[in-house]
Amino acid sequence: MKLKKGDKVKITVGKDKGKTGVIEKVYKNSNKAMMTNINLYKRHVKKNEKMPQGGIVEIPRAMDVSKMNLICPKCAKVTRVGYKIDQGKKIRICKKCDSKI
């Protein structure tokens, strides 16, 4: 997977189109990533110890990585991720400015 935890991304599809956020968790097997305050869904919760009143709660869900693009930290543009082998190590590079991510 080309996106990692801590990457700044922009959403390109869906109800949160145009929003930016930082990836908090990556699910490699399902090819999804989770961010705070993006892709929120409402869930009805019964009364329990944590929520004595119960009610409607907004929770974030994981979103497919095909719906987001990386924002390069150097040029601050939406870009694709490329790879380059440097001294025997595989590093990620920005396709627009060719800098290390």
C-alpha atoms as a PDB file:
ATOM      1  CA  MET A   1       0.000   0.000   0.000  1.00  0.00           C
ATOM      2  CA  LYS A   2       1.343   3.407  -0.964  1.00  0.00           C
ATOM      3  CA  LEU A   3      -0.231   5.396   1.886  1.00  0.00           C
ATOM      4  CA  LYS A   4       1.015   5.185   5.473  1.00  0.00           C
ATOM      5  CA  LYS A   5       0.040   6.400   8.923  1.00  0.00           C
ATOM      6  CA  GLY A   6       0.725  10.128   9.301  1.00  0.00           C
ATOM      7  CA  ASP A   7       0.301  10.983   5.603  1.00  0.00           C
ATOM      8  CA  LYS A   8      -1.788  14.043   4.748  1.00  0.00           C
ATOM      9  CA  VAL A   9      -4.428  13.161   2.150  1.00  0.00           C
ATOM     10  CA  LYS A  10      -7.267  14.807   0.233  1.00  0.00           C
ATOM     11  CA  ILE A  11     -10.598  13.038  -0.331  1.00  0.00           C
ATOM     12  CA  THR A  12     -11.568  12.877  -4.022  1.00  0.00           C
ATOM     13  CA  VAL A  13     -14.897  10.979  -3.959  1.00  0.00           C
ATOM     14  CA  GLY A  14     -17.995  10.840  -1.785  1.00  0.00           C
ATOM     15  CA  LYS A  15     -19.762  13.042   0.738  1.00  0.00           C
ATOM     16  CA  ASP A  16     -16.458  14.363   2.150  1.00  0.00           C
ATOM     17  CA  LYS A  17     -15.030  15.312  -1.254  1.00  0.00           C
ATOM     18  CA  GLY A  18     -12.460  18.107  -0.997  1.00  0.00           C
ATOM     19  CA  LYS A  19     -11.698  17.633   2.709  1.00  0.00           C
ATOM     20  CA  THR A  20      -8.159  16.995   3.906  1.00  0.00           C
ATOM     21  CA  GLY A  21      -7.003  14.935   6.858  1.00  0.00           C
ATOM     22  CA  VAL A  22      -4.187  12.902   8.354  1.00  0.00           C
ATOM     23  CA  ILE A  23      -4.274   9.103   8.263  1.00  0.00           C
ATOM     24  CA  GLU A  24      -4.451   7.594  11.751  1.00  0.00           C
ATOM     25  CA  LYS A  25      -4.719   3.895  10.981  1.00  0.00           C
ATOM     26  CA  VAL A  26      -4.149   1.748   7.895  1.00  0.00           C
ATOM     27  CA  TYR A  27      -5.836  -1.592   7.204  1.00  0.00           C
ATOM     28  CA  LYS A  28      -3.590  -3.347   4.667  1.00  0.00           C
ATOM     29  CA  ASN A  29      -5.744  -6.452   4.153  1.00  0.00           C
ATOM     30  CA  SER A  30      -8.876  -4.516   3.219  1.00  0.00           C
ATOM     31  CA  ASN A  31      -6.974  -1.646   1.506  1.00  0.00           C
ATOM     32  CA  LYS A  32      -8.592   1.005   3.736  1.00  0.00           C
ATOM     33  CA  ALA A  33      -7.464   3.864   5.962  1.00  0.00           C
ATOM     34  CA  MET A  34      -9.091   5.760   8.834  1.00  0.00           C
ATOM     35  CA  MET A  35      -8.980   9.492   9.596  1.00  0.00           C
ATOM     36  CA  THR A  36     -10.584  11.626  12.310  1.00  0.00           C
ATOM     37  CA  ASN A  37     -13.706  13.652  11.488  1.00  0.00           C
ATOM     38  CA  ILE A  38     -13.907  12.230   7.959  1.00  0.00           C
ATOM     39  CA  ASN A  39     -16.410   9.594   6.785  1.00  0.00           C
ATOM     40  CA  LEU A  40     -18.534   9.944   9.935  1.00  0.00           C
ATOM     41  CA  TYR A  41     -21.620   7.774  10.377  1.00  0.00           C
ATOM     42  CA  LYS A  42     -24.378   7.935  12.981  1.00  0.00           C
ATOM     43  CA  ARG A  43     -25.031   4.941  15.189  1.00  0.00           C
ATOM     44  CA  HIS A  44     -27.835   4.418  17.690  1.00  0.00           C
ATOM     45  CA  VAL A  45     -26.465   3.240  21.038  1.00  0.00           C
ATOM     46  CA  LYS A  46     -28.426   1.634  23.871  1.00  0.00           C
ATOM     47  CA  LYS A  47     -27.919   2.678  27.482  1.00  0.00           C
ATOM     48  CA  ASN A  48     -24.745   1.185  28.930  1.00  0.00           C
ATOM     49  CA  GLU A  49     -22.006   1.961  31.469  1.00  0.00           C
ATOM     50  CA  LYS A  50     -20.100   4.271  29.126  1.00  0.00           C
ATOM     51  CA  MET A  51     -23.212   6.113  27.946  1.00  0.00           C
ATOM     52  CA  PRO A  52     -25.865   6.121  30.676  1.00  0.00           C
ATOM     53  CA  GLN A  53     -28.305   8.059  28.468  1.00  0.00           C
ATOM     54  CA  GLY A  54     -27.696   6.234  25.196  1.00  0.00           C
ATOM     55  CA  GLY A  55     -28.583   8.068  21.994  1.00  0.00           C
ATOM     56  CA  ILE A  56     -27.121   8.778  18.583  1.00  0.00           C
ATOM     57  CA  VAL A  57     -23.317   8.788  18.275  1.00  0.00           C
ATOM     58  CA  GLU A  58     -21.138   9.777  15.307  1.00  0.00           C
ATOM     59  CA  ILE A  59     -18.316   7.334  14.634  1.00  0.00           C
ATOM     60  CA  PRO A  60     -15.605   7.444  11.934  1.00  0.00           C
ATOM     61  CA  ARG A  61     -15.367   4.558   9.482  1.00  0.00           C
ATOM     62  CA  ALA A  62     -12.445   3.392   7.393  1.00  0.00           C
ATOM     63  CA  MET A  63     -12.400   4.626   3.797  1.00  0.00           C
ATOM     64  CA  ASP A  64     -10.925   2.938   0.727  1.00  0.00           C
ATOM     65  CA  VAL A  65      -7.536   4.362  -0.260  1.00  0.00           C
ATOM     66  CA  SER A  66      -8.619   4.629  -3.903  1.00  0.00           C
ATOM     67  CA  LYS A  67     -10.852   7.542  -2.824  1.00  0.00           C
ATOM     68  CA  MET A  68      -7.959   9.646  -1.497  1.00  0.00           C
ATOM     69  CA  ASN A  69      -4.811  11.247  -2.884  1.00  0.00           C
ATOM     70  CA  LEU A  70      -1.586  12.057  -1.074  1.00  0.00           C
ATOM     71  CA  ILE A  71      -0.615  15.697  -0.498  1.00  0.00           C
ATOM     72  CA  CYS A  72       3.143  16.116  -0.943  1.00  0.00           C
ATOM     73  CA  PRO A  73       4.765  17.667   2.158  1.00  0.00           C
ATOM     74  CA  LYS A  74       7.288  19.592   0.048  1.00  0.00           C
ATOM     75  CA  CYS A  75       5.296  21.005  -2.892  1.00  0.00           C
ATOM     76  CA  ALA A  76       1.852  20.861  -1.126  1.00  0.00           C
ATOM     77  CA  LYS A  77       0.160  19.499  -4.264  1.00  0.00           C
ATOM     78  CA  VAL A  78      -2.076  16.460  -4.693  1.00  0.00           C
ATOM     79  CA  THR A  79       0.146  13.788  -6.200  1.00  0.00           C
ATOM     80  CA  ARG A  80       0.653  10.121  -6.870  1.00  0.00           C
ATOM     81  CA  VAL A  81       3.278   8.048  -5.098  1.00  0.00           C
ATOM     82  CA  GLY A  82       6.234   6.538  -6.906  1.00  0.00           C
ATOM     83  CA  TYR A  83       9.101   4.374  -5.719  1.00  0.00           C
ATOM     84  CA  LYS A  84      12.852   4.653  -6.164  1.00  0.00           C
ATOM     85  CA  ILE A  85      15.636   2.399  -4.938  1.00  0.00           C
ATOM     86  CA  ASP A  86      18.292   4.398  -3.089  1.00  0.00           C
ATOM     87  CA  GLN A  87      21.312   2.611  -1.580  1.00  0.00           C
ATOM     88  CA  GLY A  88      19.446  -0.687  -1.499  1.00  0.00           C
ATOM     89  CA  LYS A  89      16.353   0.788   0.185  1.00  0.00           C
ATOM     90  CA  LYS A  90      12.993   1.370  -1.452  1.00  0.00           C
ATOM     91  CA  ILE A  91      11.798   4.949  -0.810  1.00  0.00           C
ATOM     92  CA  ARG A  92       8.570   6.748  -1.718  1.00  0.00           C
ATOM     93  CA  ILE A  93       8.796   9.781  -3.992  1.00  0.00           C
ATOM     94  CA  CYS A  94       6.392  12.493  -5.180  1.00  0.00           C
ATOM     95  CA  LYS A  95       5.597  12.121  -8.889  1.00  0.00           C
ATOM     96  CA  LYS A  96       5.293  15.913  -9.369  1.00  0.00           C
ATOM     97  CA  CYS A  97       8.384  17.334  -7.637  1.00  0.00           C
ATOM     98  CA  ASP A  98      10.418  14.083  -7.455  1.00  0.00           C
ATOM     99  CA  SER A  99      11.216  14.643  -3.749  1.00  0.00           C
ATOM    100  CA  LYS A 100      11.375  12.031  -0.984  1.00  0.00           C
ATOM    101  CA  ILE A 101       8.180  11.590   1.045  1.00  0.00           C
END
